[in-house]
Amino acid sequence: MSIHDAVAQLAQADHDAKIENASCRNIAGGYRCGITACNGLNDGDEPDGWWVGYSPRNGMNASVEGPWADWVELAHQILAEDARRQADTSSEQQP
C-alpha cells in the first residue's frame, strides 16, 4: 500500500466515524439521489439550514446522480417534509 493510499484510508475512516456518530436527517429521492443535514460534522455545531447532496447507495462522498424520475421524487419528498414541518410549527403555536 502506498503512503497516499494509507493517508486516504485514514481520512475516510475518520470521516466515516464522524458520520456514524453524527445525527443525520436524510431525504432520499432514489437509489443515488438524496440530501442530508447532519449535526456533529461541524465540530458539534448545529447545522444552520444547510443541506448537502449525497448518494444513498454510494455514501456521503459520492456524486448525487440519477434519472429524472429520482430527482422528481426527491423534490416530492422535500415538499412533503416541508409540509410536515409547517404543520408541526402551526400545531405548536396553537394554545
Protein backbone atom coordinates (compact mmCIF):
# COMPACT_ATOMS: atom_id res chain seq x y z
CA MET A 1 0.00 0.00 0.00
CA SER A 2 1.37 3.42 -0.92
CA ILE A 3 1.59 6.26 1.58
CA HIS A 4 -1.06 8.10 -0.42
CA ASP A 5 -3.44 5.14 -0.14
CA ALA A 6 -2.77 4.85 3.60
CA VAL A 7 -3.49 8.54 4.19
CA ALA A 8 -6.65 8.35 2.08
CA GLN A 9 -7.78 5.29 4.02
CA LEU A 10 -7.23 7.05 7.37
CA ALA A 11 -9.08 10.15 6.17
CA GLN A 12 -12.01 8.02 5.02
CA ALA A 13 -12.08 6.15 8.34
CA ASP A 14 -12.14 9.47 10.24
CA HIS A 15 -14.94 10.76 8.03
CA ASP A 16 -16.91 7.52 8.43
CA ALA A 17 -16.56 7.73 12.23
CA LYS A 18 -17.91 11.28 12.19
CA ILE A 19 -20.86 10.19 10.06
CA GLU A 20 -21.55 7.24 12.34
CA ASN A 21 -21.57 9.48 15.42
CA ALA A 22 -23.48 12.31 13.77
CA SER A 23 -27.19 12.82 13.99
CA CYS A 24 -28.21 12.94 10.33
CA ARG A 25 -31.51 13.78 8.73
CA ASN A 26 -31.73 12.29 5.25
CA ILE A 27 -34.25 12.69 2.48
CA ALA A 28 -33.85 10.18 -0.33
CA GLY A 29 -35.41 10.51 -3.74
CA GLY A 30 -33.96 7.49 -5.44
CA TYR A 31 -31.23 4.93 -5.49
CA ARG A 32 -28.42 7.51 -5.81
CA CYS A 33 -30.20 10.80 -5.20
CA GLY A 34 -30.69 12.34 -1.76
CA ILE A 35 -29.90 15.21 0.59
CA THR A 36 -28.70 15.24 4.18
CA ALA A 37 -28.21 17.62 7.09
CA CYS A 38 -26.04 16.35 9.93
CA ASN A 39 -25.37 17.51 13.47
CA GLY A 40 -21.88 16.67 14.60
CA LEU A 41 -19.98 17.07 11.34
CA ASN A 42 -19.01 20.68 12.06
CA ASP A 43 -17.27 20.12 15.38
CA GLY A 44 -20.62 19.53 17.05
CA ASP A 45 -22.26 22.72 15.84
CA GLU A 46 -25.89 22.62 14.81
CA PRO A 47 -26.44 22.98 11.08
CA ASP A 48 -27.78 26.36 10.09
CA GLY A 49 -30.28 25.23 7.50
CA TRP A 50 -27.72 23.88 5.02
CA TRP A 51 -28.29 20.54 3.33
CA VAL A 52 -25.90 18.73 1.00
CA GLY A 53 -26.44 16.12 -1.68
CA TYR A 54 -25.42 12.53 -1.05
CA SER A 55 -25.88 9.18 -2.68
CA PRO A 56 -27.99 6.79 -0.56
CA ARG A 57 -26.40 3.90 -2.49
CA ASN A 58 -22.78 5.07 -2.68
CA GLY A 59 -22.43 7.14 0.50
CA MET A 60 -21.62 10.67 1.59
CA ASN A 61 -18.61 11.33 -0.63
CA ALA A 62 -20.19 10.05 -3.84
CA SER A 63 -21.78 12.10 -6.57
CA VAL A 64 -25.51 12.60 -6.41
CA GLU A 65 -26.94 11.20 -9.60
CA GLY A 66 -29.98 9.57 -11.04
CA PRO A 67 -32.62 9.65 -13.71
CA TRP A 68 -35.12 12.48 -13.93
CA ALA A 69 -37.74 10.46 -12.03
CA ASP A 70 -35.43 10.18 -9.00
CA TRP A 71 -34.94 13.94 -8.92
CA VAL A 72 -38.70 14.48 -9.17
CA GLU A 73 -39.20 12.00 -6.31
CA LEU A 74 -36.59 13.88 -4.26
CA ALA A 75 -38.47 17.13 -4.91
CA HIS A 76 -41.73 15.49 -3.75
CA GLN A 77 -40.01 14.21 -0.60
CA ILE A 78 -38.60 17.68 0.16
CA LEU A 79 -42.04 19.27 -0.27
CA ALA A 80 -43.63 16.59 1.95
CA GLU A 81 -41.01 17.25 4.65
CA ASP A 82 -41.65 20.99 4.39
CA ALA A 83 -45.41 20.45 4.77
CA ARG A 84 -44.81 18.24 7.83
CA ARG A 85 -42.59 20.89 9.42
CA GLN A 86 -45.11 23.63 8.75
CA ALA A 87 -47.89 21.51 10.30
CA ASP A 88 -45.70 20.83 13.36
CA THR A 89 -44.94 24.54 13.72
CA SER A 90 -48.58 25.58 13.42
CA SER A 91 -49.73 22.96 15.95
CA GLU A 92 -47.09 24.17 18.43
CA GLN A 93 -48.33 27.76 18.11
CA GLN A 94 -51.97 26.93 18.87
CA PRO A 95 -52.99 27.38 22.55
